[in-house]
């Protein structure tokens, strides 16, 4: 029971810290309402209880749930309710059994960027640098998973963050009206 209570406390702290950072980033990016509403589904029992059960501290509990059960019910719940995840933006193609990525609206790309930066800060702690989100992004080939313009803008923002820092990137993001 002690481990459960400890995990619940730490998981709640992780969620709250992540949401606070995303909120701060969203305000800097000019999307304050999204910052206030970001990831509220993490408090839903499906997501929260999986987070407690599979809490690791240095990466998403969804990874551990997937390792233990073969899939993550928490992730399926989360990505289906949060439009800042590119996985939300798939639709049926014209062909049979074809799923294709759809371009994300700009406000959700901005939130996705804020989310990735905040998650990197939470999971990397003192080892975080402005290059950390780009390094994580570069570990996987997203070109077939994201629509082309969505991919290019997210990559551009992550490169800008790594090369020019937060102030310049958030100023650019705040003034970005189309892509």
N, C-alpha and C. Protein backbone atom coordinates (compact mmCIF):
# COMPACT_ATOMS: atom_id res chain seq x y z
N UNK A 1 0.81 -1.19 0.00
CA UNK A 1 0.00 0.00 0.00
C UNK A 1 0.86 1.26 0.00
N UNK A 2 1.97 1.22 0.69
CA UNK A 2 2.85 2.39 0.76
C UNK A 2 3.36 2.77 -0.62
N UNK A 3 3.75 1.76 -1.42
CA UNK A 3 4.23 2.03 -2.77
C UNK A 3 3.14 2.68 -3.61
N UNK A 4 1.91 2.21 -3.48
CA UNK A 4 0.78 2.77 -4.22
C UNK A 4 0.58 4.24 -3.85
N UNK A 5 0.59 4.55 -2.56
CA UNK A 5 0.40 5.93 -2.11
C UNK A 5 1.55 6.80 -2.59
N UNK A 6 2.75 6.29 -2.49
CA UNK A 6 3.93 7.02 -2.96
C UNK A 6 3.84 7.28 -4.46
N UNK A 7 3.49 6.25 -5.23
CA UNK A 7 3.34 6.41 -6.68
C UNK A 7 2.24 7.42 -7.01
N UNK A 8 1.13 7.36 -6.28
CA UNK A 8 0.02 8.30 -6.53
C UNK A 8 0.49 9.73 -6.29
N UNK A 9 1.20 9.95 -5.20
CA UNK A 9 1.71 11.28 -4.89
C UNK A 9 2.68 11.75 -5.97
N UNK A 10 3.63 10.90 -6.33
CA UNK A 10 4.63 11.28 -7.33
C UNK A 10 4.03 11.47 -8.72
N UNK A 11 3.10 10.61 -9.07
CA UNK A 11 2.45 10.76 -10.38
C UNK A 11 1.65 12.06 -10.43
N UNK A 12 0.90 12.35 -9.40
CA UNK A 12 0.14 13.60 -9.35
C UNK A 12 1.08 14.80 -9.42
N UNK A 13 2.18 14.74 -8.72
CA UNK A 13 3.17 15.82 -8.77
C UNK A 13 3.71 15.98 -10.20
N UNK A 14 4.01 14.86 -10.86
CA UNK A 14 4.51 14.91 -12.24
C UNK A 14 3.49 15.54 -13.17
N UNK A 15 2.23 15.13 -13.07
CA UNK A 15 1.18 15.71 -13.91
C UNK A 15 1.07 17.21 -13.65
N UNK A 16 1.00 17.59 -12.40
CA UNK A 16 0.83 19.00 -12.06
C UNK A 16 2.02 19.84 -12.51
N UNK A 17 3.22 19.31 -12.35
CA UNK A 17 4.42 20.03 -12.81
C UNK A 17 4.40 20.18 -14.32
N UNK A 18 4.08 19.09 -15.02
CA UNK A 18 4.00 19.13 -16.49
C UNK A 18 2.96 20.16 -16.94
N UNK A 19 1.78 20.10 -16.36
CA UNK A 19 0.71 21.03 -16.76
C UNK A 19 1.10 22.48 -16.47
N UNK A 20 1.78 22.73 -15.35
CA UNK A 20 2.20 24.08 -15.03
C UNK A 20 3.20 24.59 -16.07
N UNK A 21 4.16 23.75 -16.46
CA UNK A 21 5.13 24.15 -17.48
C UNK A 21 4.46 24.38 -18.83
N UNK A 22 3.56 23.48 -19.21
CA UNK A 22 2.85 23.65 -20.48
C UNK A 22 2.05 24.95 -20.44
N UNK A 23 1.38 25.19 -19.34
CA UNK A 23 0.59 26.42 -19.19
C UNK A 23 1.49 27.66 -19.38
N UNK A 24 2.65 27.67 -18.74
CA UNK A 24 3.57 28.80 -18.89
C UNK A 24 4.01 28.94 -20.34
N UNK A 25 4.32 27.83 -20.98
CA UNK A 25 4.76 27.86 -22.37
C UNK A 25 3.63 28.33 -23.29
N UNK A 26 2.43 27.84 -23.05
CA UNK A 26 1.29 28.24 -23.88
C UNK A 26 1.01 29.73 -23.75
N UNK A 27 1.15 30.28 -22.56
CA UNK A 27 0.98 31.72 -22.39
C UNK A 27 2.03 32.46 -23.21
N UNK A 28 3.28 32.00 -23.19
CA UNK A 28 4.34 32.62 -23.98
C UNK A 28 4.09 32.47 -25.47
N UNK A 29 3.43 31.38 -25.86
CA UNK A 29 3.16 31.11 -27.27
C UNK A 29 1.89 31.81 -27.77
N UNK A 30 1.16 32.48 -26.87
CA UNK A 30 -0.03 33.20 -27.28
C UNK A 30 -1.29 32.36 -27.35
N UNK A 31 -1.30 31.20 -26.68
CA UNK A 31 -2.48 30.33 -26.66
C UNK A 31 -2.84 30.01 -25.20
N UNK A 32 -3.22 31.02 -24.43
CA UNK A 32 -3.44 30.81 -22.99
C UNK A 32 -4.57 29.85 -22.65
N UNK A 33 -5.66 29.86 -23.40
CA UNK A 33 -6.78 28.97 -23.07
C UNK A 33 -6.35 27.51 -23.20
N UNK A 34 -5.58 27.20 -24.22
CA UNK A 34 -5.09 25.83 -24.37
C UNK A 34 -4.17 25.45 -23.22
N UNK A 35 -3.41 26.41 -22.74
CA UNK A 35 -2.56 26.14 -21.59
C UNK A 35 -3.36 25.80 -20.35
N UNK A 36 -4.47 26.49 -20.17
CA UNK A 36 -5.32 26.23 -19.00
C UNK A 36 -6.02 24.88 -19.08
N UNK A 37 -6.37 24.46 -20.29
CA UNK A 37 -7.13 23.22 -20.48
C UNK A 37 -6.26 22.00 -20.80
N UNK A 38 -4.96 22.22 -20.94
CA UNK A 38 -4.04 21.17 -21.39
C UNK A 38 -4.09 19.92 -20.49
N UNK A 39 -4.24 18.78 -21.12
CA UNK A 39 -4.11 17.46 -20.49
C UNK A 39 -5.01 17.22 -19.28
N UNK A 40 -6.17 17.80 -19.25
CA UNK A 40 -7.09 17.54 -18.13
C UNK A 40 -7.49 16.07 -18.07
N UNK A 41 -7.43 15.38 -19.20
CA UNK A 41 -7.79 13.96 -19.20
C UNK A 41 -6.84 13.12 -18.36
N UNK A 42 -5.67 13.65 -18.02
CA UNK A 42 -4.73 12.88 -17.19
C UNK A 42 -5.28 12.61 -15.79
N UNK A 43 -6.31 13.36 -15.40
CA UNK A 43 -6.93 13.15 -14.09
C UNK A 43 -8.08 12.14 -14.16
N UNK A 44 -8.46 11.71 -15.37
CA UNK A 44 -9.50 10.70 -15.56
C UNK A 44 -8.98 9.37 -14.99
N UNK A 45 -9.84 8.59 -14.35
CA UNK A 45 -9.37 7.33 -13.74
C UNK A 45 -8.61 6.40 -14.68
N UNK A 46 -9.01 6.32 -15.93
CA UNK A 46 -8.30 5.42 -16.87
C UNK A 46 -6.84 5.82 -16.99
N UNK A 47 -6.59 7.10 -17.11
CA UNK A 47 -5.23 7.58 -17.28
C UNK A 47 -4.50 7.67 -15.93
N UNK A 48 -5.18 8.20 -14.93
CA UNK A 48 -4.52 8.43 -13.65
C UNK A 48 -4.11 7.12 -12.99
N UNK A 49 -5.00 6.14 -12.97
CA UNK A 49 -4.70 4.88 -12.29
C UNK A 49 -3.57 4.12 -12.99
N UNK A 50 -3.54 4.18 -14.32
CA UNK A 50 -2.42 3.55 -15.04
C UNK A 50 -1.12 4.28 -14.69
N UNK A 51 -1.20 5.60 -14.56
CA UNK A 51 -0.02 6.38 -14.19
C UNK A 51 0.50 6.02 -12.81
N UNK A 52 -0.40 5.74 -11.89
CA UNK A 52 0.00 5.32 -10.54
C UNK A 52 0.60 3.92 -10.59
N UNK A 53 -0.08 3.02 -11.26
CA UNK A 53 0.37 1.62 -11.31
C UNK A 53 1.73 1.47 -11.98
N UNK A 54 1.94 2.24 -13.05
CA UNK A 54 3.16 2.08 -13.85
C UNK A 54 4.12 3.26 -13.71
N UNK A 55 4.01 4.01 -12.64
CA UNK A 55 4.87 5.18 -12.45
C UNK A 55 6.34 4.78 -12.47
N UNK A 56 7.13 5.52 -13.25
CA UNK A 56 8.57 5.27 -13.34
C UNK A 56 9.38 6.50 -12.92
N UNK A 57 8.87 7.69 -13.22
CA UNK A 57 9.54 8.91 -12.81
C UNK A 57 10.39 9.56 -13.88
N UNK A 58 11.02 8.75 -14.73
CA UNK A 58 11.89 9.34 -15.74
C UNK A 58 11.37 9.14 -17.17
N UNK A 59 10.19 8.56 -17.29
CA UNK A 59 9.54 8.43 -18.60
C UNK A 59 8.05 8.16 -18.36
N UNK A 60 7.30 8.21 -19.42
CA UNK A 60 5.85 8.07 -19.32
C UNK A 60 5.44 6.71 -18.78
N UNK A 61 4.48 6.68 -17.86
CA UNK A 61 3.93 5.40 -17.40
C UNK A 61 3.30 4.60 -18.53
N UNK A 62 2.90 5.28 -19.61
CA UNK A 62 2.30 4.58 -20.74
C UNK A 62 3.26 3.57 -21.36
N UNK A 63 4.54 3.90 -21.32
CA UNK A 63 5.56 2.97 -21.84
C UNK A 63 5.55 1.69 -21.01
N UNK A 64 5.50 1.84 -19.69
CA UNK A 64 5.49 0.67 -18.81
C UNK A 64 4.19 -0.14 -18.96
N UNK A 65 3.08 0.57 -19.08
CA UNK A 65 1.81 -0.14 -19.28
C UNK A 65 1.86 -0.96 -20.56
N UNK A 66 2.41 -0.37 -21.61
CA UNK A 66 2.52 -1.05 -22.90
C UNK A 66 3.43 -2.28 -22.78
N UNK A 67 4.52 -2.16 -22.04
CA UNK A 67 5.43 -3.29 -21.84
C UNK A 67 4.76 -4.43 -21.08
N UNK A 68 3.89 -4.08 -20.14
CA UNK A 68 3.26 -5.09 -19.29
C UNK A 68 2.01 -5.71 -19.89
N UNK A 69 1.26 -4.97 -20.69
CA UNK A 69 -0.01 -5.49 -21.20
C UNK A 69 -0.06 -5.63 -22.71
N UNK A 70 0.93 -5.07 -23.40
CA UNK A 70 0.92 -5.14 -24.87
C UNK A 70 0.31 -3.91 -25.52
N UNK A 71 -0.33 -3.07 -24.73
CA UNK A 71 -0.88 -1.81 -25.24
C UNK A 71 -1.10 -0.90 -24.04
N UNK A 72 -1.38 0.36 -24.32
CA UNK A 72 -1.63 1.31 -23.23
C UNK A 72 -3.04 1.87 -23.36
N UNK A 73 -3.91 1.39 -22.50
CA UNK A 73 -5.29 1.92 -22.47
C UNK A 73 -5.28 3.40 -22.12
N UNK A 74 -4.35 3.79 -21.24
CA UNK A 74 -4.25 5.20 -20.85
C UNK A 74 -3.89 6.07 -22.06
N UNK A 75 -2.95 5.61 -22.89
CA UNK A 75 -2.54 6.37 -24.07
C UNK A 75 -3.69 6.43 -25.09
N UNK A 76 -4.36 5.32 -25.31
CA UNK A 76 -5.48 5.33 -26.25
C UNK A 76 -6.55 6.32 -25.81
N UNK A 77 -6.81 6.36 -24.52
CA UNK A 77 -7.77 7.33 -23.97
C UNK A 77 -7.24 8.75 -24.17
N UNK A 78 -5.98 8.97 -23.85
CA UNK A 78 -5.39 10.30 -23.89
C UNK A 78 -5.33 10.88 -25.30
N UNK A 79 -4.79 10.13 -26.23
CA UNK A 79 -4.61 10.67 -27.59
C UNK A 79 -5.93 10.90 -28.30
N UNK A 80 -6.97 10.20 -27.87
CA UNK A 80 -8.28 10.40 -28.48
C UNK A 80 -9.03 11.61 -27.97
N UNK A 81 -8.48 12.28 -26.96
CA UNK A 81 -9.15 13.43 -26.35
C UNK A 81 -8.32 14.70 -26.37
N UNK A 82 -7.11 14.62 -26.85
CA UNK A 82 -6.19 15.76 -26.80
C UNK A 82 -5.63 16.05 -28.18
N UNK A 83 -6.14 17.10 -28.79
CA UNK A 83 -5.83 17.41 -30.19
C UNK A 83 -4.41 17.91 -30.41
N UNK A 84 -3.64 18.10 -29.35
CA UNK A 84 -2.25 18.51 -29.53
C UNK A 84 -1.33 17.31 -29.81
N UNK A 85 -1.89 16.12 -29.89
CA UNK A 85 -1.12 14.93 -30.26
C UNK A 85 -1.37 14.62 -31.73
N UNK A 86 -0.28 14.49 -32.48
CA UNK A 86 -0.44 14.23 -33.92
C UNK A 86 -1.20 12.93 -34.16
N UNK A 87 -1.16 12.01 -33.24
CA UNK A 87 -1.86 10.73 -33.40
C UNK A 87 -3.38 10.91 -33.45
N UNK A 88 -3.86 12.02 -32.93
CA UNK A 88 -5.29 12.34 -33.00
C UNK A 88 -5.70 12.60 -34.46
N UNK A 89 -4.77 13.12 -35.24
CA UNK A 89 -5.05 13.65 -36.57
C UNK A 89 -4.81 12.63 -37.68
N UNK A 90 -5.52 11.52 -37.61
CA UNK A 90 -5.51 10.53 -38.68
C UNK A 90 -6.95 10.36 -39.16
N UNK A 91 -7.08 10.14 -40.46
CA UNK A 91 -8.41 9.93 -41.03
C UNK A 91 -8.30 8.80 -42.05
N UNK A 92 -9.45 8.28 -42.44
CA UNK A 92 -9.46 7.26 -43.49
C UNK A 92 -9.08 7.92 -44.79
N UNK A 93 -8.22 7.22 -45.54
CA UNK A 93 -7.87 7.69 -46.86
C UNK A 93 -8.92 7.24 -47.86
N UNK A 94 -8.64 7.47 -49.10
CA UNK A 94 -9.57 7.10 -50.16
C UNK A 94 -9.57 5.59 -50.39
N UNK A 95 -8.40 4.97 -50.18
CA UNK A 95 -8.29 3.52 -50.37
C UNK A 95 -8.90 2.76 -49.20
N UNK A 96 -9.09 1.48 -49.42
CA UNK A 96 -9.64 0.62 -48.38
C UNK A 96 -8.58 0.38 -47.30
N UNK A 97 -8.97 0.47 -46.05
CA UNK A 97 -8.08 0.22 -44.91
C UNK A 97 -6.84 1.11 -44.93
N UNK A 98 -7.00 2.33 -45.37
CA UNK A 98 -5.88 3.26 -45.43
C UNK A 98 -6.12 4.38 -44.42
N UNK A 99 -5.12 4.63 -43.57
CA UNK A 99 -5.17 5.74 -42.63
C UNK A 99 -4.10 6.74 -43.04
N UNK A 100 -4.48 8.00 -43.08
CA UNK A 100 -3.53 9.03 -43.50
C UNK A 100 -3.47 10.15 -42.46
N UNK A 101 -2.29 10.73 -42.26
CA UNK A 101 -2.18 11.86 -41.34
C UNK A 101 -2.79 13.11 -41.97
N UNK A 102 -3.41 13.90 -41.13
CA UNK A 102 -4.05 15.15 -41.55
C UNK A 102 -3.26 16.30 -40.96
N UNK A 103 -3.14 17.41 -41.71
CA UNK A 103 -2.45 18.59 -41.18
C UNK A 103 -3.17 19.07 -39.93
N UNK A 104 -2.40 19.37 -38.92
CA UNK A 104 -2.96 19.87 -37.66
C UNK A 104 -3.18 21.38 -37.76
N UNK A 105 -4.25 21.89 -37.16
CA UNK A 105 -4.40 23.34 -37.06
C UNK A 105 -3.23 23.93 -36.26
N UNK A 106 -2.84 25.14 -36.60
CA UNK A 106 -1.67 25.77 -36.01
C UNK A 106 -1.72 25.82 -34.48
N UNK A 107 -2.89 26.11 -33.92
CA UNK A 107 -2.96 26.23 -32.46
C UNK A 107 -2.60 24.92 -31.76
N UNK A 108 -2.88 23.79 -32.40
CA UNK A 108 -2.53 22.50 -31.80
C UNK A 108 -1.06 22.16 -32.01
N UNK A 109 -0.48 22.64 -33.10
CA UNK A 109 0.96 22.46 -33.30
C UNK A 109 1.71 23.26 -32.23
N UNK A 110 1.25 24.48 -31.98
CA UNK A 110 1.86 25.29 -30.94
C UNK A 110 1.79 24.58 -29.59
N UNK A 111 0.63 24.02 -29.28
CA UNK A 111 0.46 23.31 -28.01
C UNK A 111 1.33 22.05 -27.98
N UNK A 112 1.44 21.35 -29.11
CA UNK A 112 2.28 20.16 -29.18
C UNK A 112 3.74 20.53 -28.89
N UNK A 113 4.20 21.63 -29.44
CA UNK A 113 5.55 22.09 -29.16
C UNK A 113 5.72 22.37 -27.66
N UNK A 114 4.79 23.11 -27.09
CA UNK A 114 4.85 23.42 -25.65
C UNK A 114 4.85 22.15 -24.81
N UNK A 115 4.05 21.18 -25.21
CA UNK A 115 3.96 19.90 -24.51
C UNK A 115 5.28 19.16 -24.56
N UNK A 116 5.91 19.12 -25.71
CA UNK A 116 7.18 18.40 -25.86
C UNK A 116 8.30 19.05 -25.05
N UNK A 117 8.32 20.36 -25.04
CA UNK A 117 9.35 21.05 -24.26
C UNK A 117 9.14 20.78 -22.77
N UNK A 118 7.90 20.90 -22.32
CA UNK A 118 7.59 20.66 -20.90
C UNK A 118 7.90 19.21 -20.50
N UNK A 119 7.51 18.26 -21.34
CA UNK A 119 7.79 16.85 -21.02
C UNK A 119 9.29 16.60 -20.93
N UNK A 120 10.05 17.21 -21.81
CA UNK A 120 11.51 17.05 -21.76
C UNK A 120 12.07 17.62 -20.47
N UNK A 121 11.54 18.75 -20.04
CA UNK A 121 12.00 19.35 -18.79
C UNK A 121 11.65 18.47 -17.59
N UNK A 122 10.44 17.93 -17.59
CA UNK A 122 10.01 17.09 -16.47
C UNK A 122 10.83 15.80 -16.40
N UNK A 123 10.99 15.12 -17.53
CA UNK A 123 11.64 13.82 -17.51
C UNK A 123 13.17 13.90 -17.46
N UNK A 124 13.75 15.02 -17.93
CA UNK A 124 15.21 15.14 -17.92
C UNK A 124 15.74 15.96 -16.75
N UNK A 125 14.88 16.72 -16.11
CA UNK A 125 15.29 17.48 -14.92
C UNK A 125 16.50 18.36 -15.16
N UNK A 126 17.50 18.20 -14.32
CA UNK A 126 18.71 19.04 -14.38
C UNK A 126 19.55 18.82 -15.63
N UNK A 127 19.34 17.73 -16.34
CA UNK A 127 20.12 17.47 -17.55
C UNK A 127 19.48 18.09 -18.79
N UNK A 128 18.30 18.72 -18.62
CA UNK A 128 17.61 19.35 -19.75
C UNK A 128 18.44 20.49 -20.33
N UNK A 129 18.48 20.53 -21.66
CA UNK A 129 18.99 21.70 -22.39
C UNK A 129 17.97 22.01 -23.47
N UNK A 130 18.11 23.16 -24.10
CA UNK A 130 17.17 23.51 -25.17
C UNK A 130 17.29 22.58 -26.38
N UNK A 131 18.31 21.75 -26.42
CA UNK A 131 18.46 20.77 -27.50
C UNK A 131 17.75 19.45 -27.18
N UNK A 132 17.39 19.23 -25.93
CA UNK A 132 16.80 17.95 -25.51
C UNK A 132 15.54 17.58 -26.29
N UNK A 133 14.57 18.48 -26.48
CA UNK A 133 13.37 18.08 -27.25
C UNK A 133 13.69 17.68 -28.69
N UNK A 134 14.63 18.37 -29.32
CA UNK A 134 15.03 18.03 -30.69
C UNK A 134 15.72 16.67 -30.71
N UNK A 135 16.57 16.40 -29.74
CA UNK A 135 17.26 15.11 -29.67
C UNK A 135 16.25 13.97 -29.54
N UNK A 136 15.23 14.15 -28.71
CA UNK A 136 14.20 13.13 -28.54
C UNK A 136 13.42 12.95 -29.84
N UNK A 137 13.04 14.06 -30.46
CA UNK A 137 12.29 14.04 -31.71
C UNK A 137 13.08 13.33 -32.81
N UNK A 138 14.38 13.54 -32.83
CA UNK A 138 15.23 12.99 -33.89
C UNK A 138 15.46 11.49 -33.77
N UNK A 139 15.06 10.88 -32.66
CA UNK A 139 15.23 9.44 -32.48
C UNK A 139 14.25 8.61 -33.30
N UNK A 140 13.22 9.27 -33.85
CA UNK A 140 12.19 8.53 -34.58
C UNK A 140 11.90 9.23 -35.90
N UNK A 141 11.56 8.47 -36.91
CA UNK A 141 11.20 9.03 -38.20
C UNK A 141 9.69 9.30 -38.22
N UNK A 142 9.34 10.56 -38.07
CA UNK A 142 7.93 10.95 -38.02
C UNK A 142 7.36 11.31 -39.40
N UNK A 143 8.17 11.23 -40.44
CA UNK A 143 7.74 11.72 -41.75
C UNK A 143 6.51 11.00 -42.30
N UNK A 144 6.30 9.76 -41.93
CA UNK A 144 5.11 9.04 -42.41
C UNK A 144 3.98 9.10 -41.40
N UNK A 145 4.27 9.58 -40.19
CA UNK A 145 3.27 9.64 -39.13
C UNK A 145 2.59 11.00 -39.03
N UNK A 146 3.30 12.03 -39.45
CA UNK A 146 2.74 13.39 -39.41
C UNK A 146 2.53 13.89 -40.83
N UNK A 147 1.52 14.72 -40.98
CA UNK A 147 1.32 15.38 -42.27
C UNK A 147 2.54 16.27 -42.54
N UNK A 148 2.90 16.47 -43.79
CA UNK A 148 4.16 17.15 -44.13
C UNK A 148 4.36 18.54 -43.50
N UNK A 149 3.37 19.41 -43.59
CA UNK A 149 3.52 20.77 -43.05
C UNK A 149 3.60 20.75 -41.52
N UNK A 150 2.85 19.86 -40.92
CA UNK A 150 2.89 19.71 -39.46
C UNK A 150 4.28 19.28 -39.03
N UNK A 151 4.81 18.27 -39.70
CA UNK A 151 6.16 17.77 -39.39
C UNK A 151 7.20 18.87 -39.55
N UNK A 152 7.15 19.56 -40.68
CA UNK A 152 8.16 20.58 -40.96
C UNK A 152 8.12 21.71 -39.94
N UNK A 153 6.93 22.16 -39.57
CA UNK A 153 6.85 23.25 -38.61
C UNK A 153 7.35 22.80 -37.24
N UNK A 154 6.94 21.63 -36.78
CA UNK A 154 7.39 21.16 -35.48
C UNK A 154 8.91 21.02 -35.48
N UNK A 155 9.46 20.44 -36.52
CA UNK A 155 10.92 20.28 -36.61
C UNK A 155 11.61 21.64 -36.61
N UNK A 156 11.07 22.58 -37.38
CA UNK A 156 11.64 23.94 -37.44
C UNK A 156 11.66 24.58 -36.05
N UNK A 157 10.57 24.43 -35.31
CA UNK A 157 10.49 25.01 -33.97
C UNK A 157 11.48 24.36 -33.02
N UNK A 158 11.63 23.05 -33.11
CA UNK A 158 12.58 22.34 -32.24
C UNK A 158 14.02 22.72 -32.57
N UNK A 159 14.33 22.88 -33.85
CA UNK A 159 15.66 23.33 -34.25
C UNK A 159 15.90 24.76 -33.76
N UNK A 160 14.90 25.63 -33.91
CA UNK A 160 15.02 27.00 -33.44
C UNK A 160 15.27 27.04 -31.94
N UNK A 161 14.55 26.23 -31.21
CA UNK A 161 14.74 26.16 -29.76
C UNK A 161 16.18 25.75 -29.44
N UNK A 162 16.68 24.72 -30.11
CA UNK A 162 18.04 24.23 -29.86
C UNK A 162 19.10 25.27 -30.20
N UNK A 163 18.86 26.02 -31.28
CA UNK A 163 19.88 26.95 -31.76
C UNK A 163 19.75 28.37 -31.20
N UNK A 164 18.51 28.80 -30.94
CA UNK A 164 18.30 30.20 -30.55
C UNK A 164 17.73 30.38 -29.15
N UNK A 165 17.25 29.30 -28.54
CA UNK A 165 16.74 29.37 -27.18
C UNK A 165 15.25 29.65 -27.09
N UNK A 166 14.76 29.59 -25.86
CA UNK A 166 13.32 29.74 -25.60
C UNK A 166 12.77 31.12 -25.96
N UNK A 167 13.45 32.17 -25.57
CA UNK A 167 12.90 33.51 -25.79
C UNK A 167 12.62 33.76 -27.26
N UNK A 168 13.59 33.46 -28.11
CA UNK A 168 13.42 33.68 -29.55
C UNK A 168 12.34 32.76 -30.13
N UNK A 169 12.32 31.52 -29.69
CA UNK A 169 11.37 30.56 -30.25
C UNK A 169 9.94 30.91 -29.84
N UNK A 170 9.72 31.27 -28.57
CA UNK A 170 8.37 31.62 -28.14
C UNK A 170 7.91 32.94 -28.74
N UNK A 171 8.82 33.87 -28.97
CA UNK A 171 8.46 35.13 -29.64
C UNK A 171 8.02 34.83 -31.07
N UNK A 172 8.76 33.97 -31.75
CA UNK A 172 8.40 33.56 -33.11
C UNK A 172 7.05 32.87 -33.11
N UNK A 173 6.88 31.94 -32.19
CA UNK A 173 5.65 31.16 -32.09
C UNK A 173 4.43 32.06 -31.81
N UNK A 174 4.60 33.00 -30.91
CA UNK A 174 3.51 33.92 -30.53
C UNK A 174 3.04 34.72 -31.75
N UNK A 175 3.97 35.09 -32.61
CA UNK A 175 3.63 35.91 -33.77
C UNK A 175 3.25 35.10 -35.01
N UNK A 176 3.40 33.80 -34.95
CA UNK A 176 3.09 32.92 -36.08
C UNK A 176 1.57 32.81 -36.24
N UNK A 177 1.07 33.20 -37.39
CA UNK A 177 -0.38 33.18 -37.64
C UNK A 177 -0.79 32.12 -38.63
N UNK A 178 0.13 31.64 -39.41
CA UNK A 178 -0.16 30.59 -40.40
C UNK A 178 1.13 29.85 -40.69
N UNK A 179 0.99 28.71 -41.32
CA UNK A 179 2.21 27.96 -41.70
C UNK A 179 2.00 27.34 -43.05
